Structure formats: structure tokens, C-alpha cells
Amino acid sequence: MEFSMQAAMRFGWETFKRRPWFFVGATVVILLASVLVDGFTSAIDTAMSGSPNEPSIVGSVISLGLGILISMGVTAFFLAAHDNPDAVDLSSLWHPRPFWKYLGASILLGLAVGIGFVLLIVPGIIFVLMFMFVTFIVIDRELGPIEAMTESKRITHGYKWNLLGFSLVLVLINLLGILALVVGLLVSIPVSSLAFAYAYRLLAGRTPPPDAAMMARAA
């Protein structure tokens, strides 16, 4: 199957509609967890440095660790939601097993993209598109950082223009969610995340679920 941005977005929307309140609730949990982590680390920074605006080493380490756990949970959750939207539950948000691999992959990804943008904007964008599925691969297949980057490079080969347009659409959707009194994020985040999981599964060569295949043919 060829990658289709329209099919990915349609899958995200149709899957969201199957359990809208569940996905809204899951998004609330994710956002609330992020707010709680920010508040907790700010309290630590205040205790350590005397000001929440002056990050401490302890606060920064805790913030990084908890942020990675949240990111891992979100990735695992939306992969599970893509694969079986009717059975996925909130327990999928807890997925700490490949923590060190995920941390290493996140650091290497940040370095690669940062170097790309320092050199020129275009290489930075190319690196973003080339390695955009690295964290999904770590969660899905538990590959190491280098292997995950190599695999992401492989599955995105030949699709960078498609993925650039797809990424811009996802950004636009979430910007509209913010403009809709922020409440729109409760819809835009799960829809765009499900669409992203669809893109990963398709490009990784996995057989999409029947609903996804049907929607792709209709697109």
C-alpha cells in the first residue's frame, strides 16, 4: 500500500469517532500528567535554587526522566489504539520497559536534528523527516538507538515529500485545536496521533487493520 496523507487523516478521525470520550479522557490524563510533572519539578527547583525560573540539576534530571516516561506511554498507547481501538485501555499509557533505549534514541535524535539545523535549515528538516519514527520503532520493536535510526531512515526513504506535507497538516490541526479555546486539543491530539501511528505502521510494512485498508482504498 502506498502512503496517503488523506487515508492517514481519515483513519485518525474514524478511529477517534469509535470511542470519542475514551480518547478525550486519555488525552486529559496525558495533559494532566505533563502539568503535574512541570509543577513537581518547579517545586524542586524552587527548593534547590530558590526560584522556579532557575532550573536545578536535580529538577532537570527528574523532569527529563518523567518526561521520557510520559512520552513512552503516549507512544505505546497510540500504537495500541491503532492496532485495536476497541480494546485499548489506559494501562497502555504505562510502558517503561525500554527506558534507556528510548532515552538514548531521544538524545541522538535531538543531536542529529540540532546539527542539521545548525548547518542549514534544509538538512535539519531532512533529518526530522528521516528520523521521525525513531521513538515509535524503539517502543514497538525495542531496537537500540542506532538500529532505530537506521530503520526509520529505511522506512521513510522515498516518502519525505509526502511526510513533509503530512507533518505540516498535523501541526496545522493542533494549532487549530489551540485556537479553539485549547479545548480543541482534546480532539486534535488523539486524531493526529492516531494518524501518525497509521503512517508508521503502513511505512514499516505492517499489515494495516481491515478498517485502515478499507479507508485507504476509499481515499
Protein backbone atom coordinates (compact mmCIF):
# COMPACT_ATOMS: atom_id res chain seq x y z
CA MET A 1 0.00 0.00 0.00
CA GLU A 2 1.23 3.47 -0.88
CA PHE A 3 1.25 6.13 1.82
CA SER A 4 -1.69 8.53 1.57
CA MET A 5 -1.99 11.56 3.83
CA GLN A 6 -5.76 11.60 3.26
CA ALA A 7 -6.06 7.96 4.28
CA ALA A 8 -3.98 8.55 7.42
CA MET A 9 -6.09 11.53 8.49
CA ARG A 10 -9.30 9.67 7.72
CA PHE A 11 -8.12 6.73 9.79
CA GLY A 12 -7.32 9.05 12.70
CA TRP A 13 -10.74 10.68 12.56
CA GLU A 14 -12.75 7.50 12.04
CA THR A 15 -10.89 5.70 14.83
CA PHE A 16 -11.41 8.64 17.18
CA LYS A 17 -15.17 8.56 16.46
CA ARG A 18 -15.38 4.94 17.54
CA ARG A 19 -14.58 5.87 21.16
CA PRO A 20 -14.53 9.68 21.31
CA TRP A 21 -14.97 10.09 25.05
CA PHE A 22 -12.35 7.47 25.80
CA PHE A 23 -9.77 9.23 23.62
CA VAL A 24 -10.70 12.63 25.06
CA GLY A 25 -10.29 11.20 28.57
CA ALA A 26 -6.93 9.65 27.69
CA THR A 27 -5.74 12.99 26.32
CA VAL A 28 -6.83 14.71 29.53
CA VAL A 29 -4.80 12.17 31.53
CA ILE A 30 -1.73 12.80 29.33
CA LEU A 31 -2.00 16.58 29.60
CA LEU A 32 -2.66 16.41 33.34
CA ALA A 33 0.40 14.19 33.84
CA SER A 34 2.54 16.73 31.97
CA VAL A 35 1.19 19.58 34.10
CA LEU A 36 1.83 17.64 37.30
CA VAL A 37 5.41 16.89 36.24
CA ASP A 38 6.01 20.57 35.49
CA GLY A 39 4.58 21.56 38.86
CA PHE A 40 6.57 18.92 40.71
CA THR A 41 9.89 19.84 39.08
CA SER A 42 9.20 23.56 39.59
CA ALA A 43 8.73 22.87 43.30
CA ILE A 44 12.04 21.00 43.36
CA ASP A 45 13.78 23.85 41.51
CA THR A 46 12.34 26.35 44.00
CA ALA A 47 13.57 24.28 46.94
CA MET A 48 17.02 23.77 45.42
CA SER A 49 17.74 27.16 43.83
CA GLY A 50 15.22 29.44 45.47
CA SER A 51 13.35 30.20 42.24
CA PRO A 52 11.18 28.12 39.87
CA ASN A 53 12.81 30.01 36.98
CA GLU A 54 16.28 28.74 37.88
CA PRO A 55 16.45 25.03 36.98
CA SER A 56 18.41 22.83 39.33
CA ILE A 57 20.35 19.73 38.34
CA VAL A 58 18.04 17.52 40.41
CA GLY A 59 14.91 19.12 38.99
CA SER A 60 16.21 18.85 35.42
CA VAL A 61 17.08 15.16 35.80
CA ILE A 62 13.69 14.35 37.32
CA SER A 63 11.91 16.39 34.65
CA LEU A 64 13.79 14.54 31.90
CA GLY A 65 13.10 11.12 33.38
CA LEU A 66 9.39 11.71 33.99
CA GLY A 67 9.02 13.40 30.61
CA ILE A 68 10.55 10.37 28.90
CA LEU A 69 8.15 8.04 30.74
CA ILE A 70 5.18 10.14 29.64
CA SER A 71 6.41 10.21 26.04
CA MET A 72 6.96 6.44 26.06
CA GLY A 73 3.47 5.87 27.43
CA VAL A 74 1.87 8.12 24.83
CA THR A 75 3.69 6.33 22.00
CA ALA A 76 2.74 2.88 23.30
CA PHE A 77 -0.85 3.98 23.88
CA PHE A 78 -1.46 5.26 20.36
CA LEU A 79 0.23 2.24 18.78
CA ALA A 80 -2.10 0.02 20.81
CA ALA A 81 -5.06 2.24 19.92
CA HIS A 82 -4.19 1.96 16.23
CA ASP A 83 -3.91 -1.83 16.40
CA ASN A 84 -7.01 -2.48 18.49
CA PRO A 85 -9.05 0.69 19.17
CA ASP A 86 -11.93 -1.20 20.77
CA ALA A 87 -9.80 -3.00 23.36
CA VAL A 88 -7.08 -0.47 24.26
CA ASP A 89 -7.27 0.94 27.78
CA LEU A 90 -5.42 3.47 29.91
CA SER A 91 -3.00 0.85 31.19
CA SER A 92 -1.20 1.16 27.84
CA LEU A 93 -0.01 4.59 28.98
CA TRP A 94 2.42 2.85 31.33
CA HIS A 95 5.19 1.38 29.19
CA PRO A 96 8.56 1.90 30.92
CA ARG A 97 10.42 -1.20 29.72
CA PRO A 98 12.79 0.19 27.00
CA PHE A 99 13.54 3.33 29.04
CA TRP A 100 17.28 3.53 28.40
CA LYS A 101 16.95 2.73 24.71
CA TYR A 102 14.26 5.38 24.38
CA LEU A 103 16.36 7.92 26.26
CA GLY A 104 19.39 7.19 24.10
CA ALA A 105 17.34 7.40 20.92
CA SER A 106 15.81 10.72 22.03
CA ILE A 107 19.26 12.18 22.76
CA LEU A 108 20.73 11.03 19.43
CA LEU A 109 17.66 12.27 17.59
CA GLY A 110 17.94 15.68 19.23
CA LEU A 111 21.63 15.88 18.39
CA ALA A 112 21.12 14.87 14.75
CA VAL A 113 18.30 17.35 14.19
CA GLY A 114 20.16 20.08 16.08
CA ILE A 115 23.30 19.60 13.98
CA GLY A 116 21.17 19.63 10.85
CA PHE A 117 19.61 22.97 11.74
CA VAL A 118 22.97 24.43 12.73
CA LEU A 119 24.42 23.54 9.34
CA LEU A 120 21.43 24.73 7.33
CA ILE A 121 17.66 24.66 7.76
CA VAL A 122 17.14 22.18 4.92
CA PRO A 123 19.35 19.41 6.41
CA GLY A 124 17.55 19.88 9.71
CA ILE A 125 14.17 19.35 8.06
CA ILE A 126 15.50 16.32 6.18
CA PHE A 127 16.77 14.81 9.43
CA VAL A 128 13.43 15.46 11.14
CA LEU A 129 11.60 13.60 8.36
CA MET A 130 14.21 10.84 8.11
CA PHE A 131 14.13 10.04 11.82
CA MET A 132 10.52 10.92 12.65
CA PHE A 133 9.60 7.33 13.55
CA VAL A 134 12.63 6.54 15.74
CA THR A 135 10.80 6.62 19.06
CA PHE A 136 7.91 4.56 17.64
CA ILE A 137 10.38 1.92 16.50
CA VAL A 138 12.03 1.77 19.94
CA ILE A 139 8.65 1.24 21.63
CA ASP A 140 7.28 -1.12 19.00
CA ARG A 141 10.34 -3.29 18.38
CA GLU A 142 12.66 -2.36 21.27
CA LEU A 143 15.59 -1.70 18.95
CA GLY A 144 18.60 0.24 20.18
CA PRO A 145 19.06 3.92 19.27
CA ILE A 146 21.34 3.35 16.25
CA GLU A 147 19.23 0.47 14.91
CA ALA A 148 16.03 2.51 15.35
CA MET A 149 17.51 5.47 13.48
CA THR A 150 18.68 3.18 10.68
CA GLU A 151 15.24 1.60 10.43
CA SER A 152 13.48 4.96 10.45
CA LYS A 153 15.76 6.11 7.64
CA ARG A 154 14.86 2.97 5.69
CA ILE A 155 11.09 3.19 6.01
CA THR A 156 10.93 6.92 5.22
CA HIS A 157 13.11 6.60 2.11
CA GLY A 158 11.21 7.88 -0.91
CA TYR A 159 8.41 9.41 1.15
CA LYS A 160 9.97 12.60 2.51
CA TRP A 161 7.84 14.99 0.46
CA ASN A 162 4.70 13.09 1.49
CA LEU A 163 5.80 13.12 5.12
CA LEU A 164 6.60 16.83 4.99
CA GLY A 165 3.07 17.63 3.84
CA PHE A 166 1.66 15.19 6.40
CA SER A 167 3.67 16.77 9.23
CA LEU A 168 2.54 20.27 8.26
CA VAL A 169 -1.09 19.13 8.29
CA LEU A 170 -0.66 17.61 11.76
CA VAL A 171 0.88 20.85 13.04
CA LEU A 172 -1.97 22.86 11.50
CA ILE A 173 -4.61 20.61 13.07
CA ASN A 174 -3.11 21.05 16.54
CA LEU A 175 -2.74 24.80 16.04
CA LEU A 176 -6.44 24.90 15.24
CA GLY A 177 -7.01 22.88 18.41
CA ILE A 178 -5.19 25.56 20.40
CA LEU A 179 -7.17 28.32 18.73
CA ALA A 180 -10.41 26.54 19.64
CA LEU A 181 -10.00 27.72 23.22
CA VAL A 182 -7.40 24.96 23.75
CA VAL A 183 -10.29 22.50 24.27
CA GLY A 184 -9.87 21.57 20.63
CA LEU A 185 -6.61 19.84 21.58
CA LEU A 186 -8.69 17.13 23.24
CA VAL A 187 -9.76 16.15 19.73
CA SER A 188 -6.81 17.24 17.62
CA ILE A 189 -4.17 15.41 19.71
CA PRO A 190 -5.75 11.93 19.52
CA VAL A 191 -6.78 12.33 15.87
CA SER A 192 -3.31 13.45 14.78
CA SER A 193 -1.59 10.83 16.97
CA LEU A 194 -3.71 8.02 15.52
CA ALA A 195 -2.95 9.28 12.03
CA PHE A 196 0.76 9.30 12.86
CA ALA A 197 0.57 5.73 14.18
CA TYR A 198 -1.18 4.73 10.94
CA ALA A 199 1.64 6.28 8.90
CA TYR A 200 4.25 4.41 10.93
CA ARG A 201 2.50 1.05 10.66
CA LEU A 202 2.00 1.45 6.92
CA LEU A 203 5.55 2.53 6.11
CA ALA A 204 7.01 -0.09 8.44
CA GLY A 205 5.39 -2.70 6.23
CA ARG A 206 2.90 -3.98 8.76
CA THR A 207 -0.47 -5.13 7.50
CA PRO A 208 -2.98 -2.45 8.49
CA PRO A 209 -6.22 -3.45 10.20
CA PRO A 210 -9.25 -4.07 7.92
CA ASP A 211 -10.75 -0.65 8.68
CA ALA A 212 -7.50 1.07 7.71
CA ALA A 213 -7.21 -0.86 4.45
CA MET A 214 -10.81 -0.08 3.57
CA MET A 215 -10.37 3.62 4.29
CA ALA A 216 -7.14 3.72 2.28
CA ARG A 217 -8.89 2.26 -0.75
CA ALA A 218 -11.71 4.77 -0.39
CA ALA A 219 -9.30 7.74 -0.16
